[in-house]
Protein backbone atom coordinates (compact mmCIF):
# COMPACT_ATOMS: atom_id res chain seq x y z
CA MET A 1 -18.13 -21.10 19.11
CA SER A 2 -20.76 -18.89 20.60
CA HIS A 3 -21.21 -15.00 19.21
CA ILE A 4 -19.05 -12.23 20.13
CA GLN A 5 -20.64 -10.12 22.82
CA LEU A 6 -19.38 -6.74 21.98
CA ASP A 7 -20.05 -5.43 25.76
CA GLN A 8 -18.01 -8.39 26.71
CA ASP A 9 -15.62 -10.02 24.44
CA ILE A 10 -13.27 -6.82 23.40
CA ARG A 11 -10.41 -5.76 25.65
CA SER A 12 -7.47 -3.67 25.18
CA LEU A 13 -4.09 -5.46 24.91
CA SER A 14 -2.56 -3.98 27.96
CA ASP A 15 -5.48 -5.26 30.01
CA PHE A 16 -5.08 -8.65 28.31
CA ARG A 17 -1.60 -8.85 29.51
CA ALA A 18 -2.72 -7.94 32.91
CA ASN A 19 -5.16 -10.82 33.50
CA ALA A 20 -4.05 -13.26 30.25
CA ALA A 21 -4.53 -16.46 32.67
CA SER A 22 -8.19 -15.44 33.35
CA TYR A 23 -9.17 -14.23 29.74
CA ILE A 24 -7.52 -17.76 28.68
CA GLU A 25 -9.51 -19.52 30.72
CA ARG A 26 -12.84 -17.60 29.86
CA VAL A 27 -12.32 -18.01 26.32
CA LYS A 28 -12.04 -21.80 27.08
CA SER A 29 -15.04 -22.24 29.23
CA LYS A 30 -17.33 -19.74 27.33
CA ARG A 31 -16.39 -20.67 24.21
CA ARG A 32 -16.62 -17.34 22.93
CA PRO A 33 -13.57 -15.58 21.28
CA LEU A 34 -11.88 -12.40 22.76
CA ILE A 35 -11.06 -9.58 20.65
CA LEU A 36 -8.14 -7.65 21.31
CA THR A 37 -7.38 -4.16 20.42
CA GLN A 38 -4.24 -2.17 19.91
CA HIS A 39 -4.40 1.73 19.96
CA GLY A 40 -8.22 1.53 19.98
CA LYS A 41 -8.19 -0.52 17.02
CA SER A 42 -9.03 -4.42 17.02
CA SER A 43 -5.79 -6.07 16.52
CA ALA A 44 -5.97 -9.94 17.26
CA VAL A 45 -8.67 -12.71 18.22
CA LEU A 46 -8.17 -15.17 20.87
CA ILE A 47 -9.95 -18.49 20.46
CA ASP A 48 -10.17 -21.92 22.05
CA VAL A 49 -7.97 -24.36 20.20
CA GLU A 50 -10.95 -26.80 19.74
CA ASP A 51 -13.22 -24.36 17.95
CA TYR A 52 -9.76 -23.30 15.66
CA GLN A 53 -9.48 -26.86 14.85
CA LYS A 54 -13.14 -27.10 14.09
CA MET A 55 -13.05 -23.88 11.94
CA LEU A 56 -9.96 -24.98 9.82
CA ASP A 57 -11.62 -28.41 9.33
CA LYS A 58 -14.67 -26.38 7.66
CA ILE A 59 -12.40 -24.37 5.73
CA GLU A 60 -10.69 -27.18 4.29
CA LEU A 61 -14.03 -28.67 3.59
CA LEU A 62 -15.25 -25.85 1.85
CA GLU A 63 -12.40 -25.34 -0.25
CA GLU A 64 -12.48 -29.06 -1.59
CA LEU A 65 -16.43 -28.67 -2.25
CA SER A 66 -15.48 -25.58 -4.21
CA ALA A 67 -12.70 -27.35 -5.98
CA ALA A 68 -14.94 -30.26 -7.05
CA ARG A 69 -17.69 -28.16 -8.27
CA LYS A 70 -15.08 -26.44 -10.44
CA GLU A 71 -14.14 -29.45 -11.66
CA LEU A 72 -17.59 -30.56 -12.61
CA ASP A 73 -18.43 -27.38 -14.08
CA ASN A 74 -15.44 -27.73 -16.50
CA GLY A 75 -16.52 -31.30 -17.59
CA GLU A 76 -13.81 -33.30 -14.90
CA GLY A 77 -14.77 -35.83 -12.63
CA ILE A 78 -17.99 -38.01 -12.63
CA SER A 79 -21.38 -37.25 -11.36
CA HIS A 80 -22.76 -38.14 -8.29
CA ASP A 81 -24.91 -41.20 -9.54
CA GLU A 82 -22.05 -42.58 -11.35
CA PHE A 83 -19.45 -42.82 -8.16
CA ILE A 84 -22.35 -44.27 -6.14
CA ASN A 85 -22.71 -46.67 -9.12
CA GLU A 86 -19.06 -47.37 -9.19
CA LEU A 87 -18.92 -47.91 -5.68
CA ARG A 88 -21.93 -50.55 -6.00
CA SER A 89 -20.01 -52.44 -8.28
CA GLN A 90 -16.65 -52.48 -6.59
CA TYR A 91 -18.06 -53.60 -3.08
CA SER A 92 -21.05 -55.80 -3.97
CA SER A 93 -20.56 -59.58 -3.58
């Protein structure tokens, strides 16, 4: 997903309604989100579905890493070295 260009990527909801198909195509082709305003204030963001999925995947991974870090900080789980040693012992012939 590319960075927002403020002069091109902010549109009113009424403008979006009138030109929805072209704005959706632009979001897909340029891979930049479109910010929609309502009554002069930002209201919604339109992003490409692939970019949205990537963002969800990254958030999920970060949440898992954060949970793992908390477990380790609380003395739960095993260290990286212990994990690698367990894997080696399980899969070595």
